[in-house]
Protein backbone atom coordinates (compact mmCIF):
# COMPACT_ATOMS: atom_id res chain seq x y z
CA MET A 1 80.47 15.51 91.85
CA LYS A 2 77.45 15.26 89.53
CA ARG A 3 75.75 18.16 91.34
CA LYS A 4 78.90 20.28 90.97
CA SER A 5 79.10 19.44 87.26
CA ARG A 6 75.44 20.32 86.79
CA GLY A 7 75.96 23.59 88.68
CA ALA A 8 78.99 24.50 86.54
CA PHE A 9 77.08 23.70 83.35
CA LEU A 10 74.17 25.82 84.57
CA PHE A 11 76.43 28.84 85.00
CA LEU A 12 77.97 28.27 81.54
CA THR A 13 74.58 27.98 79.83
CA PRO A 14 74.13 31.75 79.17
CA SER A 15 77.58 31.98 77.58
CA VAL A 16 76.95 28.89 75.43
CA LEU A 17 73.59 30.27 74.29
CA LEU A 18 75.11 33.65 73.39
CA LEU A 19 77.89 31.89 71.49
CA LEU A 20 75.37 29.83 69.56
CA ILE A 21 73.04 32.74 68.77
CA PHE A 22 75.60 35.38 67.82
CA PHE A 23 78.47 33.27 66.41
CA ILE A 24 77.69 29.69 65.45
CA VAL A 25 74.23 30.28 63.97
CA PRO A 26 75.34 33.27 61.82
CA ILE A 27 78.25 31.24 60.42
CA ILE A 28 75.92 28.36 59.52
CA LEU A 29 73.42 30.77 57.93
CA THR A 30 76.20 32.47 55.96
CA ILE A 31 77.34 29.15 54.52
CA CYS A 32 73.76 28.23 53.65
CA PHE A 33 72.94 31.60 52.04
CA ALA A 34 76.09 31.43 49.89
CA PHE A 35 74.50 28.55 47.96
CA THR A 36 71.18 30.33 47.37
CA ASN A 37 69.88 33.12 45.14
CA MET A 38 68.85 35.20 48.16
CA ALA A 39 68.11 38.81 47.17
CA LEU A 40 65.96 41.78 48.12
CA THR A 41 64.90 42.72 44.60
CA GLY A 42 63.76 40.86 41.51
CA SER A 43 62.16 37.45 41.24
CA ALA A 44 64.72 35.90 43.61
CA ALA A 45 63.36 38.03 46.47
CA GLN A 46 60.11 36.02 46.40
CA ASN A 47 61.54 32.71 45.27
CA LEU A 48 64.48 31.65 47.43
CA GLN A 49 66.18 28.68 45.79
CA PHE A 50 69.23 26.51 46.31
CA ILE A 51 71.51 27.13 43.31
CA GLY A 52 74.58 25.12 44.31
CA PHE A 53 77.90 26.66 43.26
CA GLN A 54 76.37 29.15 40.83
CA ASN A 55 77.36 32.14 42.98
CA PHE A 56 80.96 30.95 43.07
CA THR A 57 80.96 30.26 39.32
CA ASN A 58 79.68 33.77 38.62
CA MET A 59 82.19 35.18 41.07
CA PHE A 60 85.28 33.70 39.44
CA GLN A 61 84.02 34.77 36.03
CA ASP A 62 83.47 38.33 37.21
CA PRO A 63 86.41 40.63 36.28
CA ASP A 64 85.49 42.98 39.13
CA PHE A 65 86.02 40.12 41.60
CA ARG A 66 89.48 39.36 40.21
CA ILE A 67 90.41 43.03 40.41
CA SER A 68 89.15 43.14 44.01
CA VAL A 69 91.31 40.15 44.94
CA LEU A 70 94.34 41.89 43.44
CA ARG A 71 93.57 45.12 45.29
CA THR A 72 93.13 43.17 48.53
CA MET A 73 96.52 41.49 48.15
CA VAL A 74 98.23 44.81 47.45
CA PHE A 75 96.52 46.40 50.46
CA LEU A 76 97.40 43.41 52.66
CA ILE A 77 101.07 43.17 51.69
CA PHE A 78 101.90 46.87 51.91
CA SER A 79 99.72 47.96 54.83
CA ALA A 80 99.95 44.81 56.98
CA VAL A 81 103.14 42.85 56.22
CA ILE A 82 105.48 45.64 55.14
CA GLY A 83 103.70 48.40 57.00
CA GLN A 84 102.37 47.33 60.38
CA VAL A 85 104.42 44.18 61.05
CA VAL A 86 107.83 45.42 59.89
CA LEU A 87 107.41 49.01 61.03
CA GLY A 88 106.02 47.88 64.38
CA PHE A 89 109.06 45.64 64.93
CA ILE A 90 111.46 48.44 63.98
CA LEU A 91 109.78 50.86 66.39
CA ALA A 92 109.85 48.29 69.20
CA LEU A 93 113.53 47.57 68.48
CA LEU A 94 114.43 51.27 68.52
CA MET A 95 112.61 51.75 71.83
CA LYS A 96 114.28 48.77 73.47
CA GLU A 97 116.27 49.70 76.58
CA LYS A 98 115.48 53.41 76.16
CA ASN A 99 114.58 55.41 79.25
CA VAL A 100 111.03 55.24 80.56
CA THR A 101 110.16 58.85 79.68
CA PHE A 102 111.21 58.43 76.05
CA ARG A 103 109.26 55.20 75.68
CA ARG A 104 106.14 56.76 77.19
CA ILE A 105 106.24 59.79 74.87
CA ILE A 106 106.78 57.73 71.71
CA GLY A 107 104.27 55.15 72.90
CA ILE A 108 101.56 57.77 73.40
CA ILE A 109 102.17 59.25 69.94
CA VAL A 110 101.99 55.88 68.17
CA ILE A 111 99.15 54.45 70.26
CA ALA A 112 97.03 57.56 69.60
CA GLY A 113 96.34 56.30 66.09
CA TRP A 114 95.44 52.81 67.28
CA VAL A 115 92.93 53.82 69.95
CA THR A 116 91.19 56.28 67.61
CA PRO A 117 88.00 54.77 66.09
CA GLU A 118 88.41 53.72 62.46
CA ILE A 119 85.75 56.14 61.22
CA VAL A 120 87.53 59.04 62.94
CA VAL A 121 90.85 57.94 61.46
CA ALA A 122 89.22 57.91 58.01
CA PHE A 123 87.92 61.48 58.35
CA CYS A 124 91.29 62.66 59.69
CA MET A 125 93.05 61.09 56.71
CA VAL A 126 90.57 62.60 54.27
CA ALA A 127 91.39 66.00 55.77
CA PHE A 128 95.11 65.20 55.53
CA PHE A 129 95.07 63.99 51.90
CA SER A 130 92.37 66.30 50.49
CA ASP A 131 93.20 68.96 47.89
CA ASN A 132 93.31 71.68 50.56
CA GLY A 133 94.56 69.33 53.25
CA SER A 134 97.58 69.34 55.52
CA LEU A 135 99.82 67.32 53.19
CA ASN A 136 99.42 69.70 50.26
CA GLN A 137 100.07 72.65 52.54
CA ILE A 138 103.27 71.02 53.78
CA ILE A 139 104.60 70.22 50.29
CA GLY A 140 103.56 73.73 49.23
CA TRP A 141 106.25 75.11 51.55
CA PHE A 142 108.81 73.49 49.23
CA GLY A 143 107.28 74.93 46.07
CA ILE A 144 105.51 71.71 45.01
CA SER A 145 102.12 72.07 43.37
CA PRO A 146 99.11 70.56 45.21
CA ILE A 147 98.36 66.91 44.38
CA SER A 148 94.94 65.27 44.41
CA TRP A 149 96.13 62.36 46.55
CA LEU A 150 92.77 60.60 46.94
CA PHE A 151 92.25 60.68 43.17
CA SER A 152 95.78 60.22 41.81
CA PHE A 153 97.15 57.92 44.53
CA PRO A 154 94.09 56.43 46.29
CA MET A 155 95.64 53.06 47.18
CA VAL A 156 98.75 54.70 48.61
CA SER A 157 96.52 56.97 50.70
CA VAL A 158 94.46 54.17 52.25
CA ILE A 159 97.60 52.07 52.84
CA ILE A 160 99.26 54.92 54.74
CA ALA A 161 96.06 55.49 56.71
CA ASN A 162 95.85 51.82 57.74
CA ILE A 163 99.53 51.74 58.68
CA TRP A 164 99.10 54.77 60.92
CA HIS A 165 96.01 53.26 62.49
CA GLY A 166 97.34 49.77 63.21
CA THR A 167 101.11 49.91 63.71
CA ALA A 168 100.85 50.55 67.46
CA PHE A 169 99.37 47.09 68.06
CA SER A 170 102.38 45.38 66.45
CA MET A 171 104.76 47.67 68.30
CA MET A 172 103.24 46.76 71.69
CA VAL A 173 103.31 43.02 70.91
CA TYR A 174 106.97 43.13 69.88
CA GLN A 175 107.94 45.49 72.68
CA SER A 176 106.59 43.07 75.25
CA ALA A 177 108.36 40.13 73.58
CA LEU A 178 111.70 41.97 73.31
CA ASP A 179 111.60 42.91 77.00
CA GLU A 180 111.39 39.21 77.88
CA ILE A 181 114.70 38.37 76.17
CA PRO A 182 117.38 37.76 78.84
CA LYS A 183 120.01 40.50 78.64
CA ASP A 184 122.85 38.13 79.55
CA ILE A 185 122.39 36.22 76.27
CA GLU A 186 122.84 39.34 74.15
CA GLU A 187 125.72 40.52 76.34
CA ALA A 188 127.48 37.17 75.92
CA ALA A 189 127.05 37.38 72.13
CA THR A 190 128.47 40.91 72.14
CA ILE A 191 131.51 39.79 74.15
CA ASP A 192 132.05 36.98 71.63
CA GLY A 193 132.24 39.59 68.87
CA ALA A 194 128.80 39.24 67.32
CA SER A 195 127.57 42.28 65.41
CA ASN A 196 124.20 43.89 66.06
CA PHE A 197 122.85 42.35 62.85
CA LYS A 198 123.93 38.85 63.87
CA ILE A 199 122.43 39.31 67.33
CA LEU A 200 119.19 40.38 65.69
CA ARG A 201 119.19 37.48 63.22
CA TYR A 202 120.36 34.60 65.38
CA ILE A 203 119.14 35.61 68.86
CA THR A 204 116.43 38.28 68.85
CA ILE A 205 114.19 37.08 65.99
CA PRO A 206 114.28 33.36 66.92
CA MET A 207 113.39 34.17 70.54
CA VAL A 208 110.36 36.31 69.58
CA LYS A 209 109.27 34.04 66.71
CA GLY A 210 106.10 33.02 68.53
CA SER A 211 105.06 36.64 68.95
CA ILE A 212 105.84 37.34 65.30
CA VAL A 213 103.62 34.47 64.14
CA THR A 214 100.76 35.51 66.41
CA ASN A 215 101.00 39.16 65.43
CA MET A 216 101.18 38.42 61.70
CA MET A 217 98.05 36.28 61.87
CA LEU A 218 96.11 38.88 63.86
CA VAL A 219 97.21 41.78 61.66
CA THR A 220 96.46 39.80 58.51
CA LEU A 221 92.93 38.93 59.60
CA GLN A 222 92.29 42.49 60.78
CA THR A 223 93.56 44.01 57.54
CA LEU A 224 91.56 41.62 55.37
CA GLY A 225 88.41 42.87 57.08
CA VAL A 226 89.14 46.61 56.80
CA PHE A 227 86.04 48.26 55.34
CA THR A 228 85.12 51.48 57.14
CA LEU A 229 88.50 53.13 56.54
CA ILE A 230 88.51 52.47 52.78
CA TYR A 231 84.81 53.10 52.17
CA THR A 232 84.87 56.41 54.05
CA MET A 233 88.03 57.69 52.37
CA THR A 234 87.41 56.63 48.77
CA GLY A 235 84.22 54.55 48.55
CA GLY A 236 86.31 51.92 46.76
CA GLY A 237 87.16 54.35 43.97
CA PRO A 238 87.95 56.19 41.94
CA GLY A 239 86.53 53.45 39.73
CA THR A 240 87.76 50.25 41.34
CA ALA A 241 91.16 51.60 42.40
CA THR A 242 90.60 50.78 46.10
CA GLN A 243 87.80 48.22 45.84
CA THR A 244 89.05 45.46 48.12
CA LEU A 245 87.00 42.33 48.79
CA PRO A 246 85.11 43.76 51.82
CA VAL A 247 84.05 46.78 49.73
CA PHE A 248 83.13 44.55 46.77
CA MET A 249 81.14 42.28 49.09
CA TYR A 250 79.29 45.27 50.57
CA ASN A 251 78.40 46.62 47.13
CA GLN A 252 77.02 43.27 46.00
CA ALA A 253 75.08 42.56 49.20
CA PHE A 254 73.83 46.00 50.29
CA VAL A 255 73.93 48.10 47.11
CA ASN A 256 72.89 45.53 44.52
CA TYR A 257 70.89 43.58 47.18
CA GLN A 258 72.34 40.23 46.06
CA PHE A 259 72.75 38.68 49.51
CA GLY A 260 73.55 35.21 48.24
CA TYR A 261 76.36 36.51 46.07
CA GLY A 262 77.62 38.73 48.88
CA THR A 263 77.81 35.89 51.39
CA ALA A 264 79.66 33.75 48.83
CA ILE A 265 82.27 36.52 48.59
CA SER A 266 82.54 36.57 52.39
CA LEU A 267 83.38 32.85 52.39
CA VAL A 268 86.17 33.45 49.88
CA LEU A 269 87.47 36.26 52.08
CA LEU A 270 87.44 33.89 55.05
CA LEU A 271 89.33 31.27 53.04
CA ILE A 272 91.99 33.79 52.06
CA GLY A 273 92.48 34.63 55.74
CA ILE A 274 92.88 30.97 56.66
CA VAL A 275 95.36 30.32 53.83
CA ALA A 276 97.39 33.42 54.74
CA SER A 277 97.54 32.40 58.41
CA LEU A 278 98.68 28.87 57.54
CA PHE A 279 101.31 30.30 55.20
CA TYR A 280 102.72 32.51 57.95
CA MET A 281 102.83 29.64 60.43
CA LYS A 282 104.57 27.35 57.96
CA SER A 283 107.07 29.97 56.85
CA MET A 284 108.10 30.72 60.42
CA LYS A 285 109.05 27.07 60.94
CA VAL A 286 111.95 27.58 58.57
CA LYS A 287 115.23 28.05 60.41
CA VAL A 288 116.08 31.74 60.51
């Protein structure tokens, strides 16, 4: 038995080492750097010091940080909760019990946005929302003057882009969960006179609650970390109109070269993700 245990541990050693090198060690270093004045320029670049909670004190006193938190919450609520989660559920519900050909066609159309790399999605959306883009040409058919969407409505533009990119994941999760609901339960409720809304509220949603919780957590964490899409489309601007926490963190760490400050922001972003996930889990325990 001991030889078998040693053999199993020997085979697991490469995986454990990779996990330590590329996951555990970076997390520990990030926590450590957040409490230092680590930088690439200035006196701090040659004199690394432990400064305690100074980065966090500066952060919460920085108006740009507070604006970034607000922008992140707006982006999260509208592109993740209202956009991907709700829209994904509606699409899955509409596709339920439809014929295979219809589901395949709609599935391919929706999934196309999800499988497209984020950088490609960003360039496609820039072309769509630009002054001479597809959207202005479409509204021009109705006599509406062109609108500078990325300048006048930058947050709306990046929200729509993220919804288009990520909704397919939610749709597939919910579609799989809805297909597992026994048909005889819904048929019995229909015979008893239950309306479609009551079936949805008292049968469908409670039976897929686990999938809803899982999907909301995954979508929340993914949306909190969206950087490439926003930075490519708007660069966080105009001004700070689309400067979410990942963009603000990037600017502090890789533009201003204040690595200590940037890693402190990353820890706050991680904390927001944890709090949001716990909130979703707790809220779903309430009887629907």
